[in-house]
Amino acid sequence: MLDSPLLQAHMMSLYVYALKWGRKINVDKTKVCGFEEKKINGNTIFYINNELVELVDNFTYFNYNGNLYSAVKVLHDQALSAYRSQLLLFIFLYKISLDVKSKLSLLYSMLVVPIYSQVLRCV
């Protein structure tokens, strides 16, 4: 069951923490989504700095629309795929005969560069 007073207290703590570090929470983009089988009571309301926070049944996270279960499944599948790819890469690097510097350079170009590319696309 959703503990409304506790969640409200945590939201206010987050707001105070953000202010302390010179940040502002964009309440228009902030949502409350319950991840229980029961729906959130329509009378339940939350505020951040006296601004109403919207209650939603589904959410969007990094351009993914859905609920918690489906989001966790997608992230799990992506992590498993990344793990398998890295495992194959390490096996490949172990088997080829190159000096350590060349292997590290190859490893950098295959692991770090793609991450930078993803980050730059999000900016």
PDB file of N, CA and C in Angstrom:
ATOM      1  N   MET A   1       0.844  -1.190   0.000  1.00  0.00           N
ATOM      2  CA  MET A   1       0.000   0.000   0.000  1.00  0.00           C
ATOM      3  C   MET A   1       0.885   1.249   0.000  1.00  0.00           C
ATOM      4  N   LEU A   2       0.502   2.230  -0.740  1.00  0.00           N
ATOM      5  CA  LEU A   2       1.254   3.468  -0.863  1.00  0.00           C
ATOM      6  C   LEU A   2       1.206   4.235   0.455  1.00  0.00           C
ATOM      7  N   ASP A   3       2.369   4.569   0.978  1.00  0.00           N
ATOM      8  CA  ASP A   3       2.461   5.347   2.207  1.00  0.00           C
ATOM      9  C   ASP A   3       2.572   6.820   1.820  1.00  0.00           C
ATOM     10  N   SER A   4       1.426   7.460   1.625  1.00  0.00           N
ATOM     11  CA  SER A   4       1.390   8.836   1.119  1.00  0.00           C
ATOM     12  C   SER A   4       2.159   9.835   1.977  1.00  0.00           C
ATOM     13  N   PRO A   5       1.976   9.838   3.301  1.00  0.00           N
ATOM     14  CA  PRO A   5       2.714  10.821   4.112  1.00  0.00           C
ATOM     15  C   PRO A   5       4.228  10.625   4.023  1.00  0.00           C
ATOM     16  N   LEU A   6       4.674   9.364   4.001  1.00  0.00           N
ATOM     17  CA  LEU A   6       6.113   9.103   3.913  1.00  0.00           C
ATOM     18  C   LEU A   6       6.659   9.558   2.566  1.00  0.00           C
ATOM     19  N   LEU A   7       5.958   9.252   1.484  1.00  0.00           N
ATOM     20  CA  LEU A   7       6.400   9.685   0.158  1.00  0.00           C
ATOM     21  C   LEU A   7       6.424  11.205   0.072  1.00  0.00           C
ATOM     22  N   GLN A   8       5.411  11.852   0.612  1.00  0.00           N
ATOM     23  CA  GLN A   8       5.375  13.324   0.608  1.00  0.00           C
ATOM     24  C   GLN A   8       6.571  13.880   1.375  1.00  0.00           C
ATOM     25  N   ALA A   9       6.910  13.273   2.495  1.00  0.00           N
ATOM     26  CA  ALA A   9       8.053  13.729   3.287  1.00  0.00           C
ATOM     27  C   ALA A   9       9.354  13.550   2.503  1.00  0.00           C
ATOM     28  N   HIS A  10       9.487  12.425   1.804  1.00  0.00           N
ATOM     29  CA  HIS A  10      10.688  12.194   0.992  1.00  0.00           C
ATOM     30  C   HIS A  10      10.779  13.188  -0.156  1.00  0.00           C
ATOM     31  N   MET A  11       9.640  13.500  -0.761  1.00  0.00           N
ATOM     32  CA  MET A  11       9.649  14.466  -1.867  1.00  0.00           C
ATOM     33  C   MET A  11      10.079  15.842  -1.375  1.00  0.00           C
ATOM     34  N   MET A  12       9.640  16.215  -0.197  1.00  0.00           N
ATOM     35  CA  MET A  12      10.042  17.507   0.356  1.00  0.00           C
ATOM     36  C   MET A  12      11.517  17.494   0.743  1.00  0.00           C
ATOM     37  N   SER A  13      12.006  16.360   1.238  1.00  0.00           N
ATOM     38  CA  SER A  13      13.439  16.243   1.562  1.00  0.00           C
ATOM     39  C   SER A  13      14.276  16.390   0.298  1.00  0.00           C
ATOM     40  N   LEU A  14      13.815  15.787  -0.782  1.00  0.00           N
ATOM     41  CA  LEU A  14      14.512  15.911  -2.060  1.00  0.00           C
ATOM     42  C   LEU A  14      14.508  17.361  -2.535  1.00  0.00           C
ATOM     43  N   TYR A  15      13.392  18.043  -2.375  1.00  0.00           N
ATOM     44  CA  TYR A  15      13.283  19.447  -2.764  1.00  0.00           C
ATOM     45  C   TYR A  15      14.281  20.301  -1.968  1.00  0.00           C
ATOM     46  N   VAL A  16      14.338  20.091  -0.655  1.00  0.00           N
ATOM     47  CA  VAL A  16      15.258  20.853   0.198  1.00  0.00           C
ATOM     48  C   VAL A  16      16.705  20.552  -0.190  1.00  0.00           C
ATOM     49  N   TYR A  17      17.009  19.286  -0.447  1.00  0.00           N
ATOM     50  CA  TYR A  17      18.361  18.887  -0.850  1.00  0.00           C
ATOM     51  C   TYR A  17      18.748  19.571  -2.163  1.00  0.00           C
ATOM     52  N   ALA A  18      17.820  19.593  -3.123  1.00  0.00           N
ATOM     53  CA  ALA A  18      18.092  20.246  -4.412  1.00  0.00           C
ATOM     54  C   ALA A  18      18.368  21.733  -4.210  1.00  0.00           C
ATOM     55  N   LEU A  19      17.572  22.392  -3.391  1.00  0.00           N
ATOM     56  CA  LEU A  19      17.797  23.818  -3.116  1.00  0.00           C
ATOM     57  C   LEU A  19      19.162  24.054  -2.485  1.00  0.00           C
ATOM     58  N   LYS A  20      19.539  23.173  -1.575  1.00  0.00           N
ATOM     59  CA  LYS A  20      20.830  23.293  -0.896  1.00  0.00           C
ATOM     60  C   LYS A  20      21.981  23.301  -1.900  1.00  0.00           C
ATOM     61  N   TRP A  21      21.834  22.535  -2.976  1.00  0.00           N
ATOM     62  CA  TRP A  21      22.880  22.434  -3.992  1.00  0.00           C
ATOM     63  C   TRP A  21      22.619  23.343  -5.192  1.00  0.00           C
ATOM     64  N   GLY A  22      21.681  24.284  -5.032  1.00  0.00           N
ATOM     65  CA  GLY A  22      21.436  25.273  -6.081  1.00  0.00           C
ATOM     66  C   GLY A  22      20.686  24.721  -7.278  1.00  0.00           C
ATOM     67  N   ARG A  23      19.886  23.694  -7.068  1.00  0.00           N
ATOM     68  CA  ARG A  23      19.119  23.077  -8.149  1.00  0.00           C
ATOM     69  C   ARG A  23      17.639  23.302  -7.921  1.00  0.00           C
ATOM     70  N   LYS A  24      16.883  23.230  -9.014  1.00  0.00           N
ATOM     71  CA  LYS A  24      15.434  23.370  -8.929  1.00  0.00           C
ATOM     72  C   LYS A  24      14.791  22.149  -9.555  1.00  0.00           C
ATOM     73  N   ILE A  25      13.823  21.581  -8.889  1.00  0.00           N
ATOM     74  CA  ILE A  25      13.098  20.431  -9.430  1.00  0.00           C
ATOM     75  C   ILE A  25      12.018  20.959 -10.368  1.00  0.00           C
ATOM     76  N   ASN A  26      12.008  20.434 -11.589  1.00  0.00           N
ATOM     77  CA  ASN A  26      10.991  20.813 -12.565  1.00  0.00           C
ATOM     78  C   ASN A  26       9.739  19.982 -12.276  1.00  0.00           C
ATOM     79  N   VAL A  27       8.800  20.574 -11.560  1.00  0.00           N
ATOM     80  CA  VAL A  27       7.595  19.857 -11.137  1.00  0.00           C
ATOM     81  C   VAL A  27       6.744  19.461 -12.343  1.00  0.00           C
ATOM     82  N   ASP A  28       6.810  20.224 -13.428  1.00  0.00           N
ATOM     83  CA  ASP A  28       6.037  19.867 -14.628  1.00  0.00           C
ATOM     84  C   ASP A  28       6.494  18.530 -15.212  1.00  0.00           C
ATOM     85  N   LYS A  29       7.757  18.182 -15.007  1.00  0.00           N
ATOM     86  CA  LYS A  29       8.281  16.914 -15.522  1.00  0.00           C
ATOM     87  C   LYS A  29       8.303  15.814 -14.463  1.00  0.00           C
ATOM     88  N   THR A  30       7.976  16.167 -13.228  1.00  0.00           N
ATOM     89  CA  THR A  30       8.002  15.203 -12.129  1.00  0.00           C
ATOM     90  C   THR A  30       6.652  14.515 -12.033  1.00  0.00           C
ATOM     91  N   LYS A  31       6.673  13.189 -11.914  1.00  0.00           N
ATOM     92  CA  LYS A  31       5.440  12.400 -11.830  1.00  0.00           C
ATOM     93  C   LYS A  31       5.546  11.418 -10.674  1.00  0.00           C
ATOM     94  N   VAL A  32       4.408  11.015 -10.139  1.00  0.00           N
ATOM     95  CA  VAL A  32       4.339   9.937  -9.156  1.00  0.00           C
ATOM     96  C   VAL A  32       3.636   8.781  -9.833  1.00  0.00           C
ATOM     97  N   CYS A  33       4.298   7.616  -9.798  1.00  0.00           N
ATOM     98  CA  CYS A  33       3.739   6.419 -10.423  1.00  0.00           C
ATOM     99  C   CYS A  33       3.779   5.292  -9.401  1.00  0.00           C
ATOM    100  N   GLY A  34       2.619   4.721  -9.089  1.00  0.00           N
ATOM    101  CA  GLY A  34       2.565   3.596  -8.157  1.00  0.00           C
ATOM    102  C   GLY A  34       2.860   2.303  -8.889  1.00  0.00           C
ATOM    103  N   PHE A  35       3.673   1.458  -8.270  1.00  0.00           N
ATOM    104  CA  PHE A  35       4.049   0.199  -8.899  1.00  0.00           C
ATOM    105  C   PHE A  35       3.421  -0.993  -8.186  1.00  0.00           C
ATOM    106  N   GLU A  36       2.249  -0.814  -7.673  1.00  0.00           N
ATOM    107  CA  GLU A  36       1.529  -1.889  -7.012  1.00  0.00           C
ATOM    108  C   GLU A  36       0.383  -2.321  -7.918  1.00  0.00           C
ATOM    109  N   GLU A  37      -0.180  -3.472  -7.617  1.00  0.00           N
ATOM    110  CA  GLU A  37      -1.303  -3.949  -8.418  1.00  0.00           C
ATOM    111  C   GLU A  37      -2.518  -3.045  -8.255  1.00  0.00           C
ATOM    112  N   LYS A  38      -2.675  -2.498  -7.057  1.00  0.00           N
ATOM    113  CA  LYS A  38      -3.787  -1.580  -6.819  1.00  0.00           C
ATOM    114  C   LYS A  38      -3.443  -0.209  -7.388  1.00  0.00           C
ATOM    115  N   LYS A  39      -4.417   0.447  -7.933  1.00  0.00           N
ATOM    116  CA  LYS A  39      -4.222   1.805  -8.444  1.00  0.00           C
ATOM    117  C   LYS A  39      -4.097   2.776  -7.267  1.00  0.00           C
ATOM    118  N   ILE A  40      -3.422   3.878  -7.537  1.00  0.00           N
ATOM    119  CA  ILE A  40      -3.327   4.924  -6.522  1.00  0.00           C
ATOM    120  C   ILE A  40      -4.698   5.563  -6.363  1.00  0.00           C
ATOM    121  N   ASN A  41      -5.073   5.792  -5.143  1.00  0.00           N
ATOM    122  CA  ASN A  41      -6.343   6.434  -4.847  1.00  0.00           C
ATOM    123  C   ASN A  41      -6.391   7.801  -5.531  1.00  0.00           C
ATOM    124  N   GLY A  42      -7.447   8.064  -6.248  1.00  0.00           N
ATOM    125  CA  GLY A  42      -7.597   9.325  -6.969  1.00  0.00           C
ATOM    126  C   GLY A  42      -7.577  10.546  -6.072  1.00  0.00           C
ATOM    127  N   ASN A  43      -7.837  10.346  -4.775  1.00  0.00           N
ATOM    128  CA  ASN A  43      -7.828  11.461  -3.829  1.00  0.00           C
ATOM    129  C   ASN A  43      -6.435  11.757  -3.293  1.00  0.00           C
ATOM    130  N   THR A  44      -5.454  10.903  -3.611  1.00  0.00           N
ATOM    131  CA  THR A  44      -4.097  11.093  -3.130  1.00  0.00           C
ATOM    132  C   THR A  44      -3.427  12.178  -3.953  1.00  0.00           C
ATOM    133  N   ILE A  45      -2.871  13.172  -3.282  1.00  0.00           N
ATOM    134  CA  ILE A  45      -2.180  14.253  -3.989  1.00  0.00           C
ATOM    135  C   ILE A  45      -0.828  14.501  -3.329  1.00  0.00           C
ATOM    136  N   PHE A  46       0.117  14.931  -4.151  1.00  0.00           N
ATOM    137  CA  PHE A  46       1.460  15.225  -3.674  1.00  0.00           C
ATOM    138  C   PHE A  46       1.866  16.600  -4.171  1.00  0.00           C
ATOM    139  N   TYR A  47       2.706  17.256  -3.373  1.00  0.00           N
ATOM    140  CA  TYR A  47       3.180  18.588  -3.714  1.00  0.00           C
ATOM    141  C   TYR A  47       4.689  18.653  -3.564  1.00  0.00           C
ATOM    142  N   ILE A  48       5.302  19.476  -4.390  1.00  0.00           N
ATOM    143  CA  ILE A  48       6.691  19.883  -4.202  1.00  0.00           C
ATOM    144  C   ILE A  48       6.675  21.402  -4.218  1.00  0.00           C
ATOM    145  N   ASN A  49       7.073  21.996  -3.114  1.00  0.00           N
ATOM    146  CA  ASN A  49       7.068  23.452  -2.972  1.00  0.00           C
ATOM    147  C   ASN A  49       5.707  24.041  -3.333  1.00  0.00           C
ATOM    148  N   ASN A  50       4.668  23.437  -2.819  1.00  0.00           N
ATOM    149  CA  ASN A  50       3.281  23.861  -3.029  1.00  0.00           C
ATOM    150  C   ASN A  50       2.814  23.759  -4.476  1.00  0.00           C
ATOM    151  N   GLU A  51       3.546  23.034  -5.329  1.00  0.00           N
ATOM    152  CA  GLU A  51       3.109  22.779  -6.704  1.00  0.00           C
ATOM    153  C   GLU A  51       2.636  21.335  -6.783  1.00  0.00           C
ATOM    154  N   LEU A  52       1.481  21.121  -7.395  1.00  0.00           N
ATOM    155  CA  LEU A  52       0.888  19.797  -7.505  1.00  0.00           C
ATOM    156  C   LEU A  52       1.725  18.903  -8.417  1.00  0.00           C
ATOM    157  N   VAL A  53       2.001  17.673  -7.959  1.00  0.00           N
ATOM    158  CA  VAL A  53       2.735  16.686  -8.750  1.00  0.00           C
ATOM    159  C   VAL A  53       1.714  15.720  -9.341  1.00  0.00           C
ATOM    160  N   GLU A  54       1.826  15.481 -10.638  1.00  0.00           N
ATOM    161  CA  GLU A  54       0.869  14.640 -11.344  1.00  0.00           C
ATOM    162  C   GLU A  54       1.034  13.161 -10.984  1.00  0.00           C
ATOM    163  N   LEU A  55      -0.100  12.465 -10.794  1.00  0.00           N
ATOM    164  CA  LEU A  55      -0.104  11.011 -10.587  1.00  0.00           C
ATOM    165  C   LEU A  55      -0.329  10.340 -11.943  1.00  0.00           C
ATOM    166  N   VAL A  56       0.460   9.310 -12.255  1.00  0.00           N
ATOM    167  CA  VAL A  56       0.332   8.615 -13.538  1.00  0.00           C
ATOM    168  C   VAL A  56       0.317   7.105 -13.328  1.00  0.00           C
ATOM    169  N   ASP A  57      -0.267   6.382 -14.289  1.00  0.00           N
ATOM    170  CA  ASP A  57      -0.263   4.918 -14.254  1.00  0.00           C
ATOM    171  C   ASP A  57       0.946   4.352 -14.979  1.00  0.00           C
ATOM    172  N   ASN A  58       1.424   5.063 -15.996  1.00  0.00           N
ATOM    173  CA  ASN A  58       2.601   4.665 -16.769  1.00  0.00           C
ATOM    174  C   ASN A  58       3.578   5.832 -16.781  1.00  0.00           C
ATOM    175  N   PHE A  59       4.789   5.580 -17.228  1.00  0.00           N
ATOM    176  CA  PHE A  59       5.800   6.626 -17.224  1.00  0.00           C
ATOM    177  C   PHE A  59       6.655   6.516 -18.477  1.00  0.00           C
ATOM    178  N   THR A  60       7.388   7.578 -18.753  1.00  0.00           N
ATOM    179  CA  THR A  60       8.355   7.583 -19.849  1.00  0.00           C
ATOM    180  C   THR A  60       9.719   7.824 -19.240  1.00  0.00           C
ATOM    181  N   TYR A  61      10.677   6.956 -19.600  1.00  0.00           N
ATOM    182  CA  TYR A  61      12.027   7.062 -19.069  1.00  0.00           C
ATOM    183  C   TYR A  61      12.988   6.777 -20.205  1.00  0.00           C
ATOM    184  N   PHE A  62      13.832   7.745 -20.548  1.00  0.00           N
ATOM    185  CA  PHE A  62      14.741   7.611 -21.681  1.00  0.00           C
ATOM    186  C   PHE A  62      14.003   7.134 -22.931  1.00  0.00           C
ATOM    187  N   ASN A  63      12.930   7.811 -23.246  1.00  0.00           N
ATOM    188  CA  ASN A  63      12.106   7.515 -24.430  1.00  0.00           C
ATOM    189  C   ASN A  63      11.449   6.148 -24.395  1.00  0.00           C
ATOM    190  N   TYR A  64      11.377   5.506 -23.239  1.00  0.00           N
ATOM    191  CA  TYR A  64      10.677   4.238 -23.106  1.00  0.00           C
ATOM    192  C   TYR A  64       9.355   4.500 -22.415  1.00  0.00           C
ATOM    193  N   ASN A  65       8.258   4.070 -23.015  1.00  0.00           N
ATOM    194  CA  ASN A  65       6.934   4.228 -22.421  1.00  0.00           C
ATOM    195  C   ASN A  65       6.481   2.900 -21.853  1.00  0.00           C
ATOM    196  N   GLY A  66       6.018   2.903 -20.635  1.00  0.00           N
ATOM    197  CA  GLY A  66       5.529   1.662 -20.066  1.00  0.00           C
ATOM    198  C   GLY A  66       5.362   1.727 -18.572  1.00  0.00           C
ATOM    199  N   ASN A  67       5.421   0.554 -17.970  1.00  0.00           N
ATOM    200  CA  ASN A  67       5.311   0.466 -16.520  1.00  0.00           C
ATOM    201  C   ASN A  67       6.603  -0.114 -15.970  1.00  0.00           C
ATOM    202  N   LEU A  68       6.689  -0.279 -14.666  1.00  0.00           N
ATOM    203  CA  LEU A  68       7.929  -0.712 -14.041  1.00  0.00           C
ATOM    204  C   LEU A  68       8.365  -2.090 -14.540  1.00  0.00           C
ATOM    205  N   TYR A  69       7.449  -3.047 -14.586  1.00  0.00           N
ATOM    206  CA  TYR A  69       7.817  -4.410 -14.985  1.00  0.00           C
ATOM    207  C   TYR A  69       8.420  -4.434 -16.381  1.00  0.00           C
ATOM    208  N   SER A  70       7.762  -3.785 -17.325  1.00  0.00           N
ATOM    209  CA  SER A  70       8.267  -3.811 -18.706  1.00  0.00           C
ATOM    210  C   SER A  70       9.573  -3.027 -18.829  1.00  0.00           C
ATOM    211  N   ALA A  71       9.735  -1.947 -18.061  1.00  0.00           N
ATOM    212  CA  ALA A  71      10.981  -1.180 -18.108  1.00  0.00           C
ATOM    213  C   ALA A  71      12.142  -2.006 -17.552  1.00  0.00           C
ATOM    214  N   VAL A  72      11.898  -2.701 -16.451  1.00  0.00           N
ATOM    215  CA  VAL A  72      12.943  -3.541 -15.862  1.00  0.00           C
ATOM    216  C   VAL A  72      13.301  -4.670 -16.827  1.00  0.00           C
ATOM    217  N   LYS A  73      12.319  -5.227 -17.504  1.00  0.00           N
ATOM    218  CA  LYS A  73      12.579  -6.297 -18.475  1.00  0.00           C
ATOM    219  C   LYS A  73      13.455  -5.785 -19.621  1.00  0.00           C
ATOM    220  N   VAL A  74      13.146  -4.611 -20.138  1.00  0.00           N
ATOM    221  CA  VAL A  74      13.945  -4.035 -21.225  1.00  0.00           C
ATOM    222  C   VAL A  74      15.378  -3.782 -20.751  1.00  0.00           C
ATOM    223  N   LEU A  75      15.532  -3.180 -19.574  1.00  0.00           N
ATOM    224  CA  LEU A  75      16.868  -2.912 -19.046  1.00  0.00           C
ATOM    225  C   LEU A  75      17.630  -4.210 -18.782  1.00  0.00           C
ATOM    226  N   HIS A  76      16.946  -5.222 -18.287  1.00  0.00           N
ATOM    227  CA  HIS A  76      17.570  -6.529 -18.053  1.00  0.00           C
ATOM    228  C   HIS A  76      18.084  -7.112 -19.360  1.00  0.00           C
ATOM    229  N   ASP A  77      17.254  -7.089 -20.389  1.00  0.00           N
ATOM    230  CA  ASP A  77      17.648  -7.640 -21.685  1.00  0.00           C
ATOM    231  C   ASP A  77      18.836  -6.879 -22.276  1.00  0.00           C
ATOM    232  N   GLN A  78      18.825  -5.554 -22.135  1.00  0.00           N
ATOM    233  CA  GLN A  78      19.942  -4.752 -22.642  1.00  0.00           C
ATOM    234  C   GLN A  78      21.225  -5.061 -21.875  1.00  0.00           C
ATOM    235  N   ALA A  79      21.125  -5.202 -20.555  1.00  0.00           N
ATOM    236  CA  ALA A  79      22.303  -5.510 -19.744  1.00  0.00           C
ATOM    237  C   ALA A  79      22.851  -6.888 -20.082  1.00  0.00           C
ATOM    238  N   LEU A  80      21.978  -7.856 -20.284  1.00  0.00           N
ATOM    239  CA  LEU A  80      22.417  -9.209 -20.635  1.00  0.00           C
ATOM    240  C   LEU A  80      23.116  -9.222 -21.987  1.00  0.00           C
ATOM    241  N   SER A  81      22.563  -8.471 -22.922  1.00  0.00           N
ATOM    242  CA  SER A  81      23.189  -8.369 -24.246  1.00  0.00           C
ATOM    243  C   SER A  81      24.568  -7.717 -24.149  1.00  0.00           C
ATOM    244  N   ALA A  82      24.676  -6.662 -23.361  1.00  0.00           N
ATOM    245  CA  ALA A  82      25.966  -5.984 -23.181  1.00  0.00           C
ATOM    246  C   ALA A  82      26.974  -6.911 -22.507  1.00  0.00           C
ATOM    247  N   TYR A  83      26.523  -7.663 -21.508  1.00  0.00           N
ATOM    248  CA  TYR A  83      27.410  -8.601 -20.817  1.00  0.00           C
ATOM    249  C   TYR A  83      27.949  -9.653 -21.787  1.00  0.00           C
ATOM    250  N   ARG A  84      27.064 -10.211 -22.593  1.00  0.00           N
ATOM    251  CA  ARG A  84      27.497 -11.235 -23.552  1.00  0.00           C
ATOM    252  C   ARG A  84      28.485 -10.664 -24.566  1.00  0.00           C
ATOM    253  N   SER A  85      28.222  -9.453 -25.027  1.00  0.00           N
ATOM    254  CA  SER A  85      29.132  -8.816 -25.977  1.00  0.00           C
ATOM    255  C   SER A  85      30.505  -8.587 -25.361  1.00  0.00           C
ATOM    256  N   GLN A  86      30.530  -8.123 -24.117  1.00  0.00           N
ATOM    257  CA  GLN A  86      31.807  -7.891 -23.444  1.00  0.00           C
ATOM    258  C   GLN A  86      32.544  -9.193 -23.187  1.00  0.00           C
ATOM    259  N   LEU A  87      31.819 -10.234 -22.840  1.00  0.00           N
ATOM    260  CA  LEU A  87      32.450 -11.526 -22.612  1.00  0.00           C
ATOM    261  C   LEU A  87      33.120 -12.027 -23.890  1.00  0.00           C
ATOM    262  N   LEU A  88      32.420 -11.913 -25.012  1.00  0.00           N
ATOM    263  CA  LEU A  88      33.006 -12.317 -26.292  1.00  0.00           C
ATOM    264  C   LEU A  88      34.230 -11.465 -26.628  1.00  0.00           C
ATOM    265  N   LEU A  89      34.161 -10.188 -26.320  1.00  0.00           N
ATOM    266  CA  LEU A  89      35.292  -9.297 -26.576  1.00  0.00           C
ATOM    267  C   LEU A  89      36.511  -9.711 -25.752  1.00  0.00           C
ATOM    268  N   PHE A  90      36.297 -10.007 -24.471  1.00  0.00           N
ATOM    269  CA  PHE A  90      37.418 -10.413 -23.616  1.00  0.00           C
ATOM    270  C   PHE A  90      38.010 -11.752 -24.067  1.00  0.00           C
ATOM    271  N   ILE A  91      37.161 -12.665 -24.488  1.00  0.00           N
ATOM    272  CA  ILE A  91      37.664 -13.952 -25.008  1.00  0.00           C
ATOM    273  C   ILE A  91      38.496 -13.712 -26.258  1.00  0.00           C
ATOM    274  N   PHE A  92      37.991 -12.839 -27.130  1.00  0.00           N
ATOM    275  CA  PHE A  92      38.716 -12.507 -28.360  1.00  0.00           C
ATOM    276  C   PHE A  92      40.082 -11.904 -28.036  1.00  0.00           C
ATOM    277  N   LEU A  93      40.102 -10.933 -27.117  1.00  0.00           N
ATOM    278  CA  LEU A  93      41.366 -10.283 -26.752  1.00  0.00           C
ATOM    279  C   LEU A  93      42.348 -11.253 -26.094  1.00  0.00           C
ATOM    280  N   TYR A  94      41.812 -12.208 -25.360  1.00  0.00           N
ATOM    281  CA  TYR A  94      42.674 -13.189 -24.707  1.00  0.00           C
ATOM    282  C   TYR A  94      43.361 -14.085 -25.744  1.00  0.00           C
ATOM    283  N   LYS A  95      42.622 -14.411 -26.801  1.00  0.00           N
ATOM    284  CA  LYS A  95      43.128 -15.365 -27.787  1.00  0.00           C
ATOM    285  C   LYS A  95      44.067 -14.755 -28.827  1.00  0.00           C
ATOM    286  N   ILE A  96      43.946 -13.461 -29.098  1.00  0.00           N
ATOM    287  CA  ILE A  96      44.807 -12.876 -30.129  1.00  0.00           C
ATOM    288  C   ILE A  96      46.180 -12.546 -29.543  1.00  0.00           C
ATOM    289  N   SER A  97      47.159 -12.579 -30.398  1.00  0.00           N
ATOM    290  CA  SER A  97      48.521 -12.312 -29.920  1.00  0.00           C
ATOM    291  C   SER A  97      48.915 -10.874 -30.259  1.00  0.00           C
ATOM    292  N   LEU A  98      48.642  -9.991 -29.329  1.00  0.00           N
ATOM    293  CA  LEU A  98      49.030  -8.583 -29.417  1.00  0.00           C
ATOM    294  C   LEU A  98      49.681  -8.196 -28.101  1.00  0.00           C
ATOM    295  N   ASP A  99      50.483  -7.138 -28.135  1.00  0.00           N
ATOM    296  CA  ASP A  99      51.066  -6.651 -26.889  1.00  0.00           C
ATOM    297  C   ASP A  99      49.965  -6.001 -26.043  1.00  0.00           C
ATOM    298  N   VAL A 100      50.212  -5.826 -24.765  1.00  0.00           N
ATOM    299  CA  VAL A 100      49.216  -5.313 -23.821  1.00  0.00           C
ATOM    300  C   VAL A 100      48.714  -3.933 -24.232  1.00  0.00           C
ATOM    301  N   LYS A 101      49.607  -3.051 -24.661  1.00  0.00           N
ATOM    302  CA  LYS A 101      49.212  -1.700 -25.056  1.00  0.00           C
ATOM    303  C   LYS A 101      48.213  -1.752 -26.215  1.00  0.00           C
ATOM    304  N   SER A 102      48.463  -2.590 -27.191  1.00  0.00           N
ATOM    305  CA  SER A 102      47.552  -2.714 -28.342  1.00  0.00           C
ATOM    306  C   SER A 102      46.204  -3.282 -27.910  1.00  0.00           C
ATOM    307  N   LYS A 103      46.238  -4.255 -27.006  1.00  0.00           N
ATOM    308  CA  LYS A 103      44.977  -4.833 -26.511  1.00  0.00           C
ATOM    309  C   LYS A 103      44.165  -3.783 -25.749  1.00  0.00           C
ATOM    310  N   LEU A 104      44.857  -2.996 -24.923  1.00  0.00           N
ATOM    311  CA  LEU A 104      44.146  -1.948 -24.177  1.00  0.00           C
ATOM    312  C   LEU A 104      43.581  -0.882 -25.108  1.00  0.00           C
ATOM    313  N   SER A 105      44.314  -0.538 -26.128  1.00  0.00           N
ATOM    314  CA  SER A 105      43.828   0.436 -27.108  1.00  0.00           C
ATOM    315  C   SER A 105      42.590  -0.098 -27.821  1.00  0.00           C
ATOM    316  N   LEU A 106      42.628  -1.349 -28.199  1.00  0.00           N
ATOM    317  CA  LEU A 106      41.485  -1.984 -28.856  1.00  0.00           C
ATOM    318  C   LEU A 106      40.295  -2.050 -27.900  1.00  0.00           C
ATOM    319  N   LEU A 107      40.555  -2.415 -26.668  1.00  0.00           N
ATOM    320  CA  LEU A 107      39.505  -2.486 -25.661  1.00  0.00           C
ATOM    321  C   LEU A 107      38.860  -1.118 -25.452  1.00  0.00           C
ATOM    322  N   TYR A 108      39.681  -0.075 -25.371  1.00  0.00           N
ATOM    323  CA  TYR A 108      39.174   1.289 -25.212  1.00  0.00           C
ATOM    324  C   TYR A 108      38.263   1.673 -26.381  1.00  0.00           C
ATOM    325  N   SER A 109      38.733   1.398 -27.587  1.00  0.00           N
ATOM    326  CA  SER A 109      37.950   1.795 -28.760  1.00  0.00           C
ATOM    327  C   SER A 109      36.642   1.007 -28.876  1.00  0.00           C
ATOM    328  N   MET A 110      36.601  -0.195 -28.318  1.00  0.00           N
ATOM    329  CA  MET A 110      35.394  -1.014 -28.423  1.00  0.00           C
ATOM    330  C   MET A 110      34.431  -0.830 -27.252  1.00  0.00           C
ATOM    331  N   LEU A 111      34.934  -0.352 -26.113  1.00  0.00           N
ATOM    332  CA  LEU A 111      34.060  -0.187 -24.948  1.00  0.00           C
ATOM    333  C   LEU A 111      33.775   1.266 -24.603  1.00  0.00           C
ATOM    334  N   VAL A 112      34.793   2.096 -24.561  1.00  0.00           N
ATOM    335  CA  VAL A 112      34.623   3.466 -24.084  1.00  0.00           C
ATOM    336  C   VAL A 112      34.063   4.381 -25.165  1.00  0.00           C
ATOM    337  N   VAL A 113      34.580   4.286 -26.373  1.00  0.00           N
ATOM    338  CA  VAL A 113      34.129   5.168 -27.454  1.00  0.00           C
ATOM    339  C   VAL A 113      32.625   5.046 -27.704  1.00  0.00           C
ATOM    340  N   PRO A 114      32.043   3.828 -27.749  1.00  0.00           N
ATOM    341  CA  PRO A 114      30.590   3.742 -27.940  1.00  0.00           C
ATOM    342  C   PRO A 114      29.790   4.409 -26.810  1.00  0.00           C
ATOM    343  N   ILE A 115      30.315   4.354 -25.594  1.00  0.00           N
ATOM    344  CA  ILE A 115      29.625   5.005 -24.474  1.00  0.00           C
ATOM    345  C   ILE A 115      29.627   6.519 -24.653  1.00  0.00           C
ATOM    346  N   TYR A 116      30.783   7.076 -25.008  1.00  0.00           N
ATOM    347  CA  TYR A 116      30.870   8.512 -25.293  1.00  0.00           C
ATOM    348  C   TYR A 116      29.894   8.896 -26.408  1.00  0.00           C
ATOM    349  N   SER A 117      29.824   8.079 -27.426  1.00  0.00           N
ATOM    350  CA  SER A 117      28.917   8.364 -28.544  1.00  0.00           C
ATOM    351  C   SER A 117      27.475   8.429 -28.077  1.00  0.00           C
ATOM    352  N   GLN A 118      27.063   7.501 -27.197  1.00  0.00           N
ATOM    353  CA  GLN A 118      25.694   7.505 -26.668  1.00  0.00           C
ATOM    354  C   GLN A 118      25.439   8.752 -25.833  1.00  0.00           C
ATOM    355  N   VAL A 119      26.410   9.106 -25.007  1.00  0.00           N
ATOM    356  CA  VAL A 119      26.252  10.292 -24.157  1.00  0.00           C
ATOM    357  C   VAL A 119      26.100  11.536 -25.007  1.00  0.00           C
ATOM    358  N   LEU A 120      26.918  11.664 -26.040  1.00  0.00           N
ATOM    359  CA  LEU A 120      26.853  12.847 -26.892  1.00  0.00           C
ATOM    360  C   LEU A 120      25.531  12.940 -27.638  1.00  0.00           C
ATOM    361  N   ARG A 121      24.916  11.807 -27.957  1.00  0.00           N
ATOM    362  CA  ARG A 121      23.619  11.818 -28.624  1.00  0.00           C
ATOM    363  C   ARG A 121      22.522  12.335 -27.697  1.00  0.00           C
ATOM    364  N   CYS A 122      22.684  12.099 -26.391  1.00  0.00           N
ATOM    365  CA  CYS A 122      21.672  12.529 -25.424  1.00  0.00           C
ATOM    366  C   CYS A 122      21.778  13.987 -25.056  1.00  0.00           C
ATOM    367  N   VAL A 123      22.923  14.617 -25.354  1.00  0.00           N
ATOM    368  CA  VAL A 123      23.152  16.013 -24.954  1.00  0.00           C
ATOM    369  C   VAL A 123      22.454  16.959 -25.894  1.00  0.00           C
TER     370      VAL A 123
END
